[in-house]
C-alpha atoms as a PDB file:
ATOM      1  CA  UNK A   1       0.000   0.000   0.000  1.00  0.00           C
ATOM      2  CA  UNK A   2       1.367   3.384  -1.015  1.00  0.00           C
ATOM      3  CA  UNK A   3       1.591   5.571   2.063  1.00  0.00           C
ATOM      4  CA  UNK A   4       0.636   9.204   1.649  1.00  0.00           C
ATOM      5  CA  UNK A   5       3.225  10.225   4.239  1.00  0.00           C
ATOM      6  CA  UNK A   6       5.973   8.691   2.090  1.00  0.00           C
ATOM      7  CA  UNK A   7       4.741  10.685  -0.897  1.00  0.00           C
ATOM      8  CA  UNK A   8       4.851  13.889   1.157  1.00  0.00           C
ATOM      9  CA  UNK A   9       8.436  13.117   2.230  1.00  0.00           C
ATOM     10  CA  UNK A  10       9.478  12.425  -1.379  1.00  0.00           C
ATOM     11  CA  UNK A  11       7.921  15.721  -2.467  1.00  0.00           C
ATOM     12  CA  UNK A  12       9.836  17.466   0.318  1.00  0.00           C
ATOM     13  CA  UNK A  13      13.100  16.098  -1.077  1.00  0.00           C
ATOM     14  CA  UNK A  14      12.132  17.219  -4.571  1.00  0.00           C
ATOM     15  CA  UNK A  15      11.257  20.709  -3.299  1.00  0.00           C
ATOM     16  CA  UNK A  16      14.599  20.910  -1.495  1.00  0.00           C
ATOM     17  CA  UNK A  17      16.498  19.906  -4.645  1.00  0.00           C
ATOM     18  CA  UNK A  18      14.574  22.341  -6.847  1.00  0.00           C
ATOM     19  CA  UNK A  19      14.929  25.203  -4.350  1.00  0.00           C
ATOM     20  CA  UNK A  20      11.167  25.790  -4.155  1.00  0.00           C
ATOM     21  CA  UNK A  21      11.117  27.376  -0.698  1.00  0.00           C
ATOM     22  CA  UNK A  22       7.375  28.113  -0.668  1.00  0.00           C
ATOM     23  CA  UNK A  23       6.393  24.518  -1.431  1.00  0.00           C
ATOM     24  CA  UNK A  24       9.037  23.203   0.949  1.00  0.00           C
ATOM     25  CA  UNK A  25       7.654  25.326   3.782  1.00  0.00           C
ATOM     26  CA  UNK A  26       4.111  24.064   3.275  1.00  0.00           C
ATOM     27  CA  UNK A  27       5.274  20.443   3.034  1.00  0.00           C
ATOM     28  CA  UNK A  28       7.178  20.878   6.294  1.00  0.00           C
ATOM     29  CA  UNK A  29       3.966  22.222   7.882  1.00  0.00           C
ATOM     30  CA  UNK A  30       2.118  19.134   6.636  1.00  0.00           C
ATOM     31  CA  UNK A  31       4.738  16.753   8.016  1.00  0.00           C
ATOM     32  CA  UNK A  32       4.745  18.657  11.303  1.00  0.00           C
ATOM     33  CA  UNK A  33       0.951  18.359  11.620  1.00  0.00           C
ATOM     34  CA  UNK A  34       1.109  14.624  10.859  1.00  0.00           C
ATOM     35  CA  UNK A  35       3.936  14.099  13.364  1.00  0.00           C
ATOM     36  CA  UNK A  36       2.046  16.071  16.026  1.00  0.00           C
ATOM     37  CA  UNK A  37      -0.956  13.741  15.777  1.00  0.00           C
ATOM     38  CA  UNK A  38       1.301  10.682  15.761  1.00  0.00           C
ATOM     39  CA  UNK A  39       3.120  11.841  18.899  1.00  0.00           C
ATOM     40  CA  UNK A  40      -0.049  12.930  20.695  1.00  0.00           C
ATOM     41  CA  UNK A  41      -1.863   9.669  20.011  1.00  0.00           C
ATOM     42  CA  UNK A  42       1.225   7.403  19.952  1.00  0.00           C
ATOM     43  CA  UNK A  43       0.259   5.833  16.624  1.00  0.00           C
ATOM     44  CA  UNK A  44       1.417   5.803  13.033  1.00  0.00           C
ATOM     45  CA  UNK A  45      -1.213   7.434  10.846  1.00  0.00           C
ATOM     46  CA  UNK A  46      -2.687   5.512   7.950  1.00  0.00           C
ATOM     47  CA  UNK A  47      -3.729   7.256   4.722  1.00  0.00           C
ATOM     48  CA  UNK A  48      -7.255   7.900   6.015  1.00  0.00           C
ATOM     49  CA  UNK A  49      -6.009   9.753   9.069  1.00  0.00           C
ATOM     50  CA  UNK A  50      -3.429  11.680   7.022  1.00  0.00           C
ATOM     51  CA  UNK A  51      -6.267  12.831   4.754  1.00  0.00           C
ATOM     52  CA  UNK A  52      -8.153  14.010   7.853  1.00  0.00           C
ATOM     53  CA  UNK A  53      -5.105  16.039   8.938  1.00  0.00           C
ATOM     54  CA  UNK A  54      -4.768  17.543   5.445  1.00  0.00           C
ATOM     55  CA  UNK A  55      -8.483  18.284   5.323  1.00  0.00           C
ATOM     56  CA  UNK A  56      -8.259  20.100   8.653  1.00  0.00           C
ATOM     57  CA  UNK A  57      -5.316  22.142   7.386  1.00  0.00           C
ATOM     58  CA  UNK A  58      -7.277  22.990   4.248  1.00  0.00           C
ATOM     59  CA  UNK A  59     -10.270  24.110   6.281  1.00  0.00           C
ATOM     60  CA  UNK A  60      -8.044  26.336   8.427  1.00  0.00           C
ATOM     61  CA  UNK A  61      -6.550  27.937   5.313  1.00  0.00           C
ATOM     62  CA  UNK A  62      -9.993  28.579   3.806  1.00  0.00           C
ATOM     63  CA  UNK A  63     -11.162  30.263   7.009  1.00  0.00           C
ATOM     64  CA  UNK A  64      -7.997  32.369   7.080  1.00  0.00           C
ATOM     65  CA  UNK A  65      -8.493  33.385   3.447  1.00  0.00           C
ATOM     66  CA  UNK A  66     -12.022  34.565   4.241  1.00  0.00           C
ATOM     67  CA  UNK A  67     -10.871  36.552   7.279  1.00  0.00           C
ATOM     68  CA  UNK A  68      -7.908  38.092   5.462  1.00  0.00           C
ATOM     69  CA  UNK A  69     -10.095  39.002   2.477  1.00  0.00           C
ATOM     70  CA  UNK A  70     -12.626  40.661   4.793  1.00  0.00           C
ATOM     71  CA  UNK A  71      -9.778  42.648   6.359  1.00  0.00           C
ATOM     72  CA  UNK A  72      -8.427  43.663   2.940  1.00  0.00           C
ATOM     73  CA  UNK A  73      -5.128  41.829   3.423  1.00  0.00           C
ATOM     74  CA  UNK A  74      -4.601  40.602  -0.124  1.00  0.00           C
ATOM     75  CA  UNK A  75      -0.947  39.833   0.565  1.00  0.00           C
ATOM     76  CA  UNK A  76      -1.908  37.287   3.243  1.00  0.00           C
ATOM     77  CA  UNK A  77      -4.725  35.916   1.073  1.00  0.00           C
ATOM     78  CA  UNK A  78      -2.170  35.133  -1.649  1.00  0.00           C
ATOM     79  CA  UNK A  79       0.062  33.270   0.817  1.00  0.00           C
ATOM     80  CA  UNK A  80      -2.832  31.182   2.146  1.00  0.00           C
ATOM     81  CA  UNK A  81      -4.078  30.410  -1.372  1.00  0.00           C
ATOM     82  CA  UNK A  82      -0.605  29.161  -2.329  1.00  0.00           C
ATOM     83  CA  UNK A  83      -0.635  26.890   0.731  1.00  0.00           C
ATOM     84  CA  UNK A  84      -4.078  25.569  -0.236  1.00  0.00           C
ATOM     85  CA  UNK A  85      -2.759  24.555  -3.665  1.00  0.00           C
ATOM     86  CA  UNK A  86       0.133  22.589  -2.145  1.00  0.00           C
ATOM     87  CA  UNK A  87      -2.103  20.845   0.406  1.00  0.00           C
ATOM     88  CA  UNK A  88      -4.612  19.922  -2.314  1.00  0.00           C
ATOM     89  CA  UNK A  89      -1.824  18.173  -4.242  1.00  0.00           C
ATOM     90  CA  UNK A  90      -1.820  15.448  -1.600  1.00  0.00           C
ATOM     91  CA  UNK A  91      -5.583  15.000  -1.342  1.00  0.00           C
ATOM     92  CA  UNK A  92      -7.642  12.688  -3.559  1.00  0.00           C
ATOM     93  CA  UNK A  93      -9.235  14.117  -6.702  1.00  0.00           C
ATOM     94  CA  UNK A  94     -11.974  16.557  -5.585  1.00  0.00           C
ATOM     95  CA  UNK A  95     -15.593  15.794  -6.338  1.00  0.00           C
ATOM     96  CA  UNK A  96     -17.488  18.093  -8.680  1.00  0.00           C
ATOM     97  CA  UNK A  97     -20.925  19.543  -7.919  1.00  0.00           C
ATOM     98  CA  UNK A  98     -22.815  16.875  -9.876  1.00  0.00           C
ATOM     99  CA  UNK A  99     -21.019  14.051  -8.037  1.00  0.00           C
ATOM    100  CA  UNK A 100     -21.687  15.690  -4.669  1.00  0.00           C
ATOM    101  CA  UNK A 101     -25.378  16.143  -5.505  1.00  0.00           C
ATOM    102  CA  UNK A 102     -25.682  12.498  -6.573  1.00  0.00           C
ATOM    103  CA  UNK A 103     -23.962  11.251  -3.411  1.00  0.00           C
ATOM    104  CA  UNK A 104     -26.149  13.478  -1.200  1.00  0.00           C
ATOM    105  CA  UNK A 105     -29.329  12.233  -2.906  1.00  0.00           C
ATOM    106  CA  UNK A 106     -28.233   8.600  -2.556  1.00  0.00           C
ATOM    107  CA  UNK A 107     -27.339   9.072   1.122  1.00  0.00           C
ATOM    108  CA  UNK A 108     -30.678  10.767   1.875  1.00  0.00           C
ATOM    109  CA  UNK A 109     -32.517   7.822   0.307  1.00  0.00           C
ATOM    110  CA  UNK A 110     -30.298   5.221   1.996  1.00  0.00           C
ATOM    111  CA  UNK A 111     -30.693   6.762   5.453  1.00  0.00           C
ATOM    112  CA  UNK A 112     -34.412   7.400   5.067  1.00  0.00           C
ATOM    113  CA  UNK A 113     -33.870  10.994   6.203  1.00  0.00           C
ATOM    114  CA  UNK A 114     -36.870  13.270   5.829  1.00  0.00           C
ATOM    115  CA  UNK A 115     -36.389  16.181   8.223  1.00  0.00           C
ATOM    116  CA  UNK A 116     -33.511  18.523   9.036  1.00  0.00           C
ATOM    117  CA  UNK A 117     -33.096  16.723  12.365  1.00  0.00           C
ATOM    118  CA  UNK A 118     -32.075  13.621  10.335  1.00  0.00           C
ATOM    119  CA  UNK A 119     -29.110  15.493   8.893  1.00  0.00           C
ATOM    120  CA  UNK A 120     -26.661  13.674  11.185  1.00  0.00           C
ATOM    121  CA  UNK A 121     -27.587  10.320   9.649  1.00  0.00           C
ATOM    122  CA  UNK A 122     -26.889  11.585   6.157  1.00  0.00           C
ATOM    123  CA  UNK A 123     -23.676  13.335   7.177  1.00  0.00           C
ATOM    124  CA  UNK A 124     -22.484  10.140   8.876  1.00  0.00           C
ATOM    125  CA  UNK A 125     -22.871   8.210   5.635  1.00  0.00           C
ATOM    126  CA  UNK A 126     -21.128  10.829   3.526  1.00  0.00           C
ATOM    127  CA  UNK A 127     -18.283  12.015   5.728  1.00  0.00           C
ATOM    128  CA  UNK A 128     -16.031   8.982   5.204  1.00  0.00           C
ATOM    129  CA  UNK A 129     -16.671   8.893   1.452  1.00  0.00           C
ATOM    130  CA  UNK A 130     -16.134  12.611   0.899  1.00  0.00           C
ATOM    131  CA  UNK A 131     -13.410  13.463   3.412  1.00  0.00           C
ATOM    132  CA  UNK A 132     -10.657  15.317   1.627  1.00  0.00           C
ATOM    133  CA  UNK A 133     -12.581  15.293  -1.652  1.00  0.00           C
ATOM    134  CA  UNK A 134     -15.209  17.948  -0.906  1.00  0.00           C
ATOM    135  CA  UNK A 135     -15.663  20.980   1.326  1.00  0.00           C
ATOM    136  CA  UNK A 136     -17.919  19.548   4.029  1.00  0.00           C
ATOM    137  CA  UNK A 137     -19.566  22.929   4.655  1.00  0.00           C
ATOM    138  CA  UNK A 138     -20.822  22.865   1.047  1.00  0.00           C
ATOM    139  CA  UNK A 139     -21.976  19.254   1.500  1.00  0.00           C
ATOM    140  CA  UNK A 140     -23.786  20.269   4.689  1.00  0.00           C
ATOM    141  CA  UNK A 141     -25.599  23.056   2.861  1.00  0.00           C
ATOM    142  CA  UNK A 142     -26.631  20.644   0.092  1.00  0.00           C
ATOM    143  CA  UNK A 143     -27.971  18.165   2.660  1.00  0.00           C
ATOM    144  CA  UNK A 144     -29.988  20.928   4.327  1.00  0.00           C
ATOM    145  CA  UNK A 145     -31.402  21.967   0.959  1.00  0.00           C
ATOM    146  CA  UNK A 146     -32.309  18.373   0.100  1.00  0.00           C
ATOM    147  CA  UNK A 147     -34.064  17.843   3.435  1.00  0.00           C
ATOM    148  CA  UNK A 148     -35.874  21.183   3.304  1.00  0.00           C
ATOM    149  CA  UNK A 149     -37.702  20.237   0.091  1.00  0.00           C
END
């Protein structure tokens, strides 16, 4: 099984050789976040858990971009957007809107959800399948819209 952590380490070596300091810095942040979880929980992360760490980092960057944009700090927005691109390189291929809609519809039917209060059931079915492949806040909004009909 190809370990995602190994791929990140190989990319770090490539970034060091090419002199790409921006990419190297982001990759070091990724490895640091992975190592932090491994040390805290005394485990070696599998690909699924690494994707969760990357997804969390991506979410943090998106929130920062929004806050920096609201504050008019375009310089910081550019830095965060560059970090997002590097982090996304290590995540699975993102789902498009049509795929997300189809998965939400299937999960609503499978769970038998009818009301907004059933949203947790639907989210539980989708979270593992979509983690790292879709912005879960968008998925949440789509589930709400599907259950509000």
